[in-house]
Amino acid sequence: QVQLVESGGGLVQPGASLRLSCAPSGSLFSITTMGWYRQAPGQQRELVAEMTSRGSTHYADSVKGRFTIYRDSANNTLYLQMNNLKPEDTAVYYCAAKRTVLGDYDYWGQGTQVTVSS
């Protein structure tokens, strides 16, 4: 089993930055990919960014050039640096992990709220 704990959400104004953190624990040897999803009210959960254990990254078109996913290999913490935030980035952000690169995500965090509003 793998446990994921997110932190770093909050209320910010448009144009501001936030950094989300995801601290994993448990059987991490089985994990190949970690990522960030988000879900806005009334909308489906969508992939924001993901990173494989080899360092390959993938971003949703809506966040390319503004968000950066990276990992601290010393403690396996996953980060999502979010710059130039827009009101449409408002959502609950979830950290996720999976055992196979092409499979579905197996483990989810509890989510952290990000609100972008003036």
Protein backbone atom coordinates (compact mmCIF):
# COMPACT_ATOMS: atom_id res chain seq x y z
CA GLN A 1 0.00 0.00 0.00
CA VAL A 2 1.00 3.60 -0.63
CA GLN A 3 -0.19 6.66 1.26
CA LEU A 4 -0.08 10.16 -0.22
CA VAL A 5 -0.41 13.37 1.74
CA GLU A 6 -0.78 16.69 -0.07
CA SER A 7 -0.16 20.16 1.26
CA GLY A 8 0.34 23.69 -0.02
CA GLY A 9 -3.07 24.74 -1.29
CA GLY A 10 -4.66 28.07 -0.51
CA LEU A 11 -6.34 31.23 -1.73
CA VAL A 12 -4.31 33.45 -4.06
CA GLN A 13 -4.90 36.26 -6.52
CA PRO A 14 -4.60 35.83 -10.28
CA GLY A 15 -0.97 35.91 -11.38
CA ALA A 16 0.33 34.56 -8.09
CA SER A 17 2.26 31.34 -7.49
CA LEU A 18 1.76 28.31 -5.26
CA ARG A 19 3.68 25.14 -4.69
CA LEU A 20 1.91 21.91 -3.85
CA SER A 21 3.70 19.06 -2.10
CA CYS A 22 2.93 15.37 -1.97
CA ALA A 23 4.66 13.21 0.60
CA PRO A 24 4.41 9.49 -0.21
CA SER A 25 4.92 6.62 2.21
CA GLY A 26 4.56 2.85 2.16
CA SER A 27 5.59 0.44 -0.60
CA LEU A 28 7.15 3.03 -2.87
CA PHE A 29 9.29 0.48 -4.74
CA SER A 30 6.17 -0.52 -6.69
CA ILE A 31 5.49 3.00 -8.00
CA THR A 32 6.45 3.92 -11.58
CA THR A 33 4.59 7.18 -12.03
CA MET A 34 3.26 9.98 -9.84
CA GLY A 35 1.08 12.83 -10.89
CA TRP A 36 -1.29 15.64 -10.06
CA TYR A 37 -4.96 15.72 -10.95
CA ARG A 38 -7.53 18.42 -10.28
CA GLN A 39 -11.29 18.61 -10.07
CA ALA A 40 -13.29 21.79 -10.28
CA PRO A 41 -16.92 21.95 -9.06
CA GLY A 42 -19.24 20.25 -11.51
CA GLN A 43 -16.40 19.00 -13.68
CA GLN A 44 -14.59 15.72 -14.16
CA ARG A 45 -11.22 15.09 -12.60
CA GLU A 46 -8.46 15.89 -15.07
CA LEU A 47 -4.77 15.13 -15.28
CA VAL A 48 -2.61 18.20 -14.71
CA ALA A 49 0.90 16.74 -14.84
CA GLU A 50 2.71 13.48 -14.27
CA MET A 51 6.26 12.25 -13.91
CA THR A 52 7.68 8.75 -14.32
CA SER A 53 10.40 7.31 -12.13
CA ARG A 54 12.83 7.96 -14.99
CA GLY A 55 11.97 11.63 -15.00
CA SER A 56 9.74 11.84 -18.07
CA THR A 57 7.02 14.44 -17.68
CA HIS A 58 3.68 15.16 -19.29
CA TYR A 59 1.49 18.25 -18.88
CA ALA A 60 -2.05 19.19 -19.75
CA ASP A 61 -2.09 21.82 -22.50
CA SER A 62 -3.84 24.27 -20.18
CA VAL A 63 -0.88 24.39 -17.77
CA LYS A 64 2.13 24.06 -20.08
CA GLY A 65 4.61 26.85 -19.48
CA ARG A 66 3.03 27.76 -16.13
CA PHE A 67 3.23 24.59 -14.02
CA THR A 68 6.27 22.44 -13.30
CA ILE A 69 6.22 18.97 -11.78
CA TYR A 70 9.37 17.75 -10.06
CA ARG A 71 10.52 15.37 -7.38
CA ASP A 72 12.97 15.55 -4.51
CA SER A 73 14.72 12.19 -4.81
CA ALA A 74 16.09 12.45 -1.28
CA ASN A 75 12.67 12.04 0.29
CA ASN A 76 10.52 11.10 -2.73
CA THR A 77 8.35 14.18 -2.25
CA LEU A 78 6.53 15.26 -5.40
CA TYR A 79 5.96 18.94 -6.09
CA LEU A 80 3.82 21.00 -8.41
CA GLN A 81 5.07 24.54 -8.87
CA MET A 82 2.21 26.65 -10.19
CA ASN A 83 2.99 30.10 -11.60
CA ASN A 84 0.80 32.75 -13.17
CA LEU A 85 -2.30 31.19 -11.67
CA LYS A 86 -5.64 31.90 -13.30
CA PRO A 87 -9.20 31.71 -11.91
CA GLU A 88 -9.78 28.63 -14.07
CA ASP A 89 -7.06 26.83 -12.10
CA THR A 90 -9.39 26.82 -9.10
CA ALA A 91 -9.97 23.21 -8.08
CA VAL A 92 -9.17 20.52 -5.58
CA TYR A 93 -5.77 19.14 -6.49
CA TYR A 94 -4.99 15.49 -5.89
CA CYS A 95 -1.69 13.67 -5.81
CA ALA A 96 -1.77 10.21 -7.36
CA ALA A 97 0.55 7.27 -7.91
CA LYS A 98 0.47 4.15 -10.04
CA ARG A 99 2.38 0.92 -10.45
CA THR A 100 2.39 0.76 -14.24
CA VAL A 101 3.19 3.57 -16.65
CA LEU A 102 0.26 2.85 -18.96
CA GLY A 103 -2.23 1.72 -16.33
CA ASP A 104 -4.74 3.59 -14.19
CA TYR A 105 -3.70 5.41 -11.06
CA ASP A 106 -3.85 3.12 -8.03
CA TYR A 107 -3.38 5.48 -5.09
CA TRP A 108 -4.81 8.89 -4.29
CA GLY A 109 -4.27 11.59 -1.71
CA GLN A 110 -7.06 13.41 0.09
CA GLY A 111 -6.77 16.56 -2.02
CA THR A 112 -5.89 20.16 -1.34
CA GLN A 113 -7.97 23.17 -2.35
CA VAL A 114 -6.52 25.82 -4.64
CA THR A 115 -8.61 28.95 -5.14
CA VAL A 116 -7.56 31.72 -7.50
CA SER A 117 -9.67 34.82 -7.06
CA SER A 118 -9.33 38.57 -6.84
